Amino acid sequence: MDPRRQSRKAPPAARRTSAQEALGRTTRQRSALLDIIAREGRPLSPYELHDLAVRVIPSMSRSTVYRNLRALEDARQIHAVSIPGQAPRYELARAAASHHHHFHCQRCDRVYELEGCPGGLKGLLPRGFTLEDHTIVLTGKCGACVG
């Protein structure tokens, strides 16, 4: 076989394997999104992230936000928070590392982290059922919307 036509695939040892390497190079946009999530200290929707990101990088488009959220999630730097009937919100992976739940304000649509877990949920199960996981989302109005 002609050496010029040989596959130029990297040997398996040279291929990317870690989550950080999967992210690829760190871009200004990714750094900005991570900084915003850390600064806000609560799960943010892609729309909230875009509204905050354009203050830092005015040219950032919504598609850039979505593309970078996927890359950051694939690299396990952020975690998607599921809220029933809503688009996912994103929080730092280190926040997701500890078991916690969320509060969703029905007026302003913001999501907040709640500390801890009420526990005792196995007692709610019918006989013969096994609990594998749970997610609790409380809904109501946040302090800013009540006042």
Protein backbone atom coordinates (compact mmCIF):
# COMPACT_ATOMS: atom_id res chain seq x y z
CA MET A 1 0.00 0.00 0.00
CA ASP A 2 1.17 3.49 -0.84
CA PRO A 3 2.43 5.12 2.44
CA ARG A 4 0.76 8.39 1.45
CA ARG A 5 -2.64 6.66 1.52
CA GLN A 6 -2.27 5.00 4.90
CA SER A 7 -4.72 6.00 7.58
CA ARG A 8 -3.47 8.80 9.78
CA LYS A 9 -5.54 7.73 12.79
CA ALA A 10 -3.83 8.22 16.10
CA PRO A 11 -2.86 5.05 17.92
CA PRO A 12 -5.33 4.13 20.70
CA ALA A 13 -3.00 5.39 23.43
CA ALA A 14 -2.90 8.82 21.83
CA ARG A 15 -6.68 9.21 21.55
CA ARG A 16 -8.51 11.46 23.96
CA THR A 17 -9.85 9.56 26.93
CA SER A 18 -10.56 11.89 29.84
CA ALA A 19 -13.59 14.13 30.20
CA GLN A 20 -11.35 17.20 30.24
CA GLU A 21 -9.66 16.15 27.03
CA ALA A 22 -13.08 15.51 25.46
CA LEU A 23 -13.83 19.19 25.99
CA GLY A 24 -11.01 20.17 23.70
CA ARG A 25 -9.48 23.58 24.02
CA THR A 26 -10.90 26.03 26.51
CA THR A 27 -12.53 28.90 24.68
CA ARG A 28 -13.52 32.35 25.84
CA GLN A 29 -17.16 31.37 25.47
CA ARG A 30 -16.83 28.21 27.61
CA SER A 31 -14.93 30.09 30.28
CA ALA A 32 -17.57 32.81 30.31
CA LEU A 33 -20.41 30.29 30.69
CA LEU A 34 -18.65 28.48 33.54
CA ASP A 35 -17.93 31.80 35.27
CA ILE A 36 -21.58 32.86 34.94
CA ILE A 37 -22.92 29.59 36.36
CA ALA A 38 -20.45 29.81 39.27
CA ARG A 39 -21.23 33.48 39.94
CA GLU A 40 -25.01 33.04 39.87
CA GLY A 41 -24.83 30.04 42.20
CA ARG A 42 -28.02 28.43 40.89
CA PRO A 43 -29.08 26.35 37.90
CA LEU A 44 -29.53 28.50 34.80
CA SER A 45 -31.47 27.95 31.58
CA PRO A 46 -29.79 28.42 28.20
CA TYR A 47 -31.82 31.63 27.78
CA GLU A 48 -30.66 32.99 31.15
CA LEU A 49 -27.09 32.05 30.27
CA HIS A 50 -27.33 33.78 26.91
CA ASP A 51 -28.78 36.96 28.43
CA LEU A 52 -25.89 37.09 30.93
CA ALA A 53 -23.20 35.99 28.45
CA VAL A 54 -23.86 38.76 25.92
CA ARG A 55 -22.95 41.27 28.63
CA VAL A 56 -19.46 39.73 28.61
CA ILE A 57 -19.21 38.66 24.96
CA PRO A 58 -21.74 40.70 22.96
CA SER A 59 -21.32 38.56 19.83
CA MET A 60 -22.25 35.27 21.56
CA SER A 61 -25.26 33.67 19.84
CA ARG A 62 -27.80 31.30 21.35
CA SER A 63 -26.47 28.49 19.16
CA THR A 64 -22.99 29.09 20.61
CA VAL A 65 -24.46 28.81 24.11
CA TYR A 66 -26.18 25.51 23.27
CA ARG A 67 -23.09 24.09 21.54
CA ASN A 68 -20.86 24.98 24.49
CA LEU A 69 -23.36 23.65 27.03
CA ARG A 70 -23.26 20.29 25.24
CA ALA A 71 -19.45 20.30 25.25
CA LEU A 72 -19.29 21.27 28.94
CA GLU A 73 -21.83 18.59 29.83
CA ASP A 74 -19.94 15.95 27.80
CA ALA A 75 -16.78 16.98 29.67
CA ARG A 76 -18.68 16.60 32.96
CA GLN A 77 -18.01 20.19 34.00
CA ILE A 78 -21.72 20.99 34.22
CA HIS A 79 -24.82 18.94 35.00
CA ALA A 80 -28.32 19.27 33.54
CA VAL A 81 -31.12 19.79 36.06
CA SER A 82 -34.50 18.50 34.92
CA ILE A 83 -37.57 20.52 35.88
CA PRO A 84 -40.90 18.96 34.77
CA GLY A 85 -42.30 20.78 31.75
CA GLN A 86 -39.23 23.00 31.40
CA ALA A 87 -36.02 23.11 29.41
CA PRO A 88 -33.04 21.79 31.39
CA ARG A 89 -31.12 24.16 33.64
CA TYR A 90 -27.39 23.81 34.17
CA GLU A 91 -25.32 23.82 37.34
CA LEU A 92 -21.65 23.17 37.99
CA ALA A 93 -20.79 19.50 38.28
CA ARG A 94 -19.34 20.06 41.75
CA ALA A 95 -22.78 21.29 42.90
CA ALA A 96 -24.38 18.16 41.45
CA ALA A 97 -21.84 15.96 43.24
CA SER A 98 -23.70 16.37 46.54
CA HIS A 99 -27.28 15.12 46.79
CA HIS A 100 -29.71 18.03 46.78
CA HIS A 101 -33.03 19.14 45.35
CA HIS A 102 -34.44 22.27 43.72
CA PHE A 103 -37.08 24.99 44.10
CA HIS A 104 -38.76 26.42 40.98
CA CYS A 105 -40.33 29.88 41.26
CA GLN A 106 -43.51 29.88 39.22
CA ARG A 107 -43.53 33.65 38.89
CA CYS A 108 -39.98 34.51 37.73
CA ASP A 109 -39.16 30.99 36.46
CA ARG A 110 -35.84 30.85 38.34
CA VAL A 111 -34.56 27.62 39.87
CA TYR A 112 -32.70 27.48 43.18
CA GLU A 113 -30.74 24.74 44.91
CA LEU A 114 -32.08 23.35 48.18
CA GLU A 115 -29.74 21.91 50.77
CA GLY A 116 -30.13 18.30 51.81
CA CYS A 117 -32.93 15.80 51.44
CA PRO A 118 -35.98 15.01 53.58
CA GLY A 119 -35.20 11.26 53.51
CA GLY A 120 -37.62 8.55 54.58
CA LEU A 121 -38.96 8.11 51.06
CA LYS A 122 -38.75 4.31 51.11
CA GLY A 123 -41.63 4.34 53.56
CA LEU A 124 -43.86 5.81 50.83
CA LEU A 125 -43.32 2.86 48.49
CA PRO A 126 -45.92 0.14 48.00
CA ARG A 127 -44.96 -3.32 49.28
CA GLY A 128 -42.46 -5.03 46.99
CA PHE A 129 -41.22 -1.84 45.33
CA THR A 130 -37.56 -0.78 45.38
CA LEU A 131 -36.42 2.84 45.37
CA GLU A 132 -33.46 3.44 43.06
CA ASP A 133 -33.35 7.23 42.86
CA HIS A 134 -35.49 10.31 43.40
CA THR A 135 -35.74 13.95 42.42
CA ILE A 136 -37.71 16.53 44.34
CA VAL A 137 -38.65 19.88 42.84
CA LEU A 138 -40.61 22.22 45.09
CA THR A 139 -42.62 24.95 43.38
CA GLY A 140 -43.96 28.28 44.60
CA LYS A 141 -42.70 31.86 44.71
CA CYS A 142 -39.16 32.88 45.61
CA GLY A 143 -38.41 35.55 48.19
CA ALA A 144 -38.01 38.27 45.56
CA CYS A 145 -41.41 37.45 44.03
CA VAL A 146 -43.23 37.20 47.36
CA GLY A 147 -41.94 40.58 48.60
